[in-house]
Amino acid sequence: MNYTLGFLQTNVGYRKGVFSMGGGLRLAYSNFNYTYPGDFSLPLSYHTVNFNTLNIEPLGFVRIGNEKVKFVYRISLSLVSPINLPQNIETHKGIINGDLHTTFLNLSIGVNFSF
């Protein structure tokens, strides 16, 4: 599979003491060149599909901590619109009857270390 992603992103934030928070918006365009098995009987036959997506991804974050260690909480939405995805494709990787299935809500928790 070949995958290309281009995006524009803007962020805003606020910081006071040990607390910082912010948000952003990412507008992205991606191109997939994906090869998948047409069926799983031997000998395997493969098909290739080329399609694009438009993505809108709003996000928000909160960071709490000092200069060296910060705990990070992040939430984002992923709104994906496929372009020129053929209707007769069904794979085990998230394309079912020509619909692209992705994760709509993403939550993450992490720790940032600065040395």
Protein backbone atom coordinates (compact mmCIF):
# COMPACT_ATOMS: atom_id res chain seq x y z
CA MET A 1 0.00 0.00 0.00
CA ASN A 2 1.19 3.50 -0.82
CA TYR A 3 -0.25 6.31 1.30
CA THR A 4 0.22 10.07 0.96
CA LEU A 5 -1.20 12.68 3.36
CA GLY A 6 -1.13 16.45 3.11
CA PHE A 7 -2.70 18.71 5.71
CA LEU A 8 -3.19 22.24 7.00
CA GLN A 9 -3.51 22.67 10.74
CA THR A 10 -4.13 25.57 13.08
CA ASN A 11 -3.82 25.51 16.88
CA VAL A 12 -4.66 27.85 19.73
CA GLY A 13 -3.74 27.49 23.37
CA TYR A 14 -3.69 28.96 26.84
CA ARG A 15 -1.13 28.42 29.61
CA LYS A 16 -1.12 29.48 33.24
CA GLY A 17 1.25 27.96 35.77
CA VAL A 18 1.14 24.16 35.65
CA PHE A 19 -1.99 24.09 33.47
CA SER A 20 -2.26 24.47 29.70
CA MET A 21 -5.09 23.74 27.30
CA GLY A 22 -5.86 24.29 23.67
CA GLY A 23 -7.45 23.08 20.52
CA GLY A 24 -6.95 22.90 16.83
CA LEU A 25 -8.39 22.02 13.47
CA ARG A 26 -6.72 19.88 10.82
CA LEU A 27 -7.91 19.76 7.21
CA ALA A 28 -6.33 16.86 5.36
CA TYR A 29 -6.32 15.23 1.94
CA SER A 30 -5.00 11.69 1.51
CA ASN A 31 -4.33 9.35 -1.38
CA PHE A 32 -4.34 5.54 -1.04
CA ASN A 33 -3.01 3.05 -3.57
CA TYR A 34 -4.14 -0.19 -1.92
CA THR A 35 -3.61 -3.80 -3.07
CA TYR A 36 -5.79 -6.49 -1.48
CA PRO A 37 -6.68 -10.15 -2.13
CA GLY A 38 -9.77 -10.55 -4.30
CA ASP A 39 -10.56 -13.85 -2.58
CA PHE A 40 -8.69 -16.21 -0.31
CA SER A 41 -8.82 -19.37 -2.41
CA LEU A 42 -5.55 -20.58 -3.89
CA PRO A 43 -3.98 -19.28 -6.01
CA LEU A 44 -4.58 -15.84 -4.49
CA SER A 45 -5.60 -13.09 -6.88
CA TYR A 46 -4.94 -9.47 -5.98
CA HIS A 47 -6.72 -6.24 -6.91
CA THR A 48 -5.49 -2.67 -6.65
CA VAL A 49 -7.66 0.35 -5.93
CA ASN A 50 -6.64 4.01 -5.88
CA PHE A 51 -8.85 6.39 -3.87
CA ASN A 52 -8.70 9.67 -1.94
CA THR A 53 -10.20 11.04 1.27
CA LEU A 54 -10.98 14.46 2.68
CA ASN A 55 -10.59 14.68 6.48
CA ILE A 56 -11.73 17.27 9.02
CA GLU A 57 -10.23 16.68 12.45
CA PRO A 58 -11.06 19.04 15.34
CA LEU A 59 -9.05 18.37 18.52
CA GLY A 60 -8.67 19.56 22.10
CA PHE A 61 -6.06 18.92 24.77
CA VAL A 62 -5.26 19.59 28.41
CA ARG A 63 -1.76 19.39 29.93
CA ILE A 64 -1.00 19.48 33.64
CA GLY A 65 2.50 19.42 35.09
CA ASN A 66 5.75 21.23 35.67
CA GLU A 67 8.57 22.08 33.23
CA LYS A 68 9.97 18.52 33.21
CA VAL A 69 6.86 16.25 33.36
CA LYS A 70 3.40 16.93 31.95
CA PHE A 71 0.33 14.69 31.84
CA VAL A 72 -1.58 15.09 28.59
CA TYR A 73 -5.25 14.36 27.85
CA ARG A 74 -6.38 14.66 24.25
CA ILE A 75 -9.68 14.22 22.40
CA SER A 76 -10.28 14.49 18.67
CA LEU A 77 -12.93 13.74 16.10
CA SER A 78 -12.19 12.30 12.68
CA LEU A 79 -14.67 13.15 9.93
CA VAL A 80 -13.63 11.27 6.79
CA SER A 81 -15.21 11.52 3.36
CA PRO A 82 -13.92 9.06 0.73
CA ILE A 83 -13.63 10.22 -2.88
CA ASN A 84 -13.80 7.86 -5.87
CA LEU A 85 -13.94 4.69 -3.71
CA PRO A 86 -15.59 1.96 -5.85
CA GLN A 87 -18.75 0.38 -4.39
CA ASN A 88 -17.85 -3.27 -5.04
CA ILE A 89 -14.85 -3.46 -2.67
CA GLU A 90 -14.88 -5.49 0.52
CA THR A 91 -11.67 -6.03 2.50
CA HIS A 92 -10.65 -7.09 5.98
CA LYS A 93 -9.03 -3.68 6.57
CA GLY A 94 -12.07 -1.43 6.98
CA ILE A 95 -13.58 -1.13 3.51
CA ILE A 96 -16.97 -2.82 3.44
CA ASN A 97 -19.34 -2.54 0.45
CA GLY A 98 -17.53 0.57 -0.73
CA ASP A 99 -17.77 2.34 2.67
CA LEU A 100 -14.61 3.35 4.50
CA HIS A 101 -14.90 2.52 8.22
CA THR A 102 -12.73 4.66 10.48
CA THR A 103 -12.57 5.60 14.16
CA PHE A 104 -14.80 8.65 14.75
CA LEU A 105 -13.72 9.54 18.31
CA ASN A 106 -10.11 9.33 19.50
CA LEU A 107 -9.10 9.67 23.14
CA SER A 108 -5.52 9.58 24.38
CA ILE A 109 -3.70 9.95 27.67
CA GLY A 110 0.05 10.37 27.87
CA VAL A 111 3.05 11.82 29.65
CA ASN A 112 5.52 14.32 28.16
CA PHE A 113 9.08 14.36 29.50
CA SER A 114 11.47 17.25 28.86
CA PHE A 115 15.19 16.80 29.52
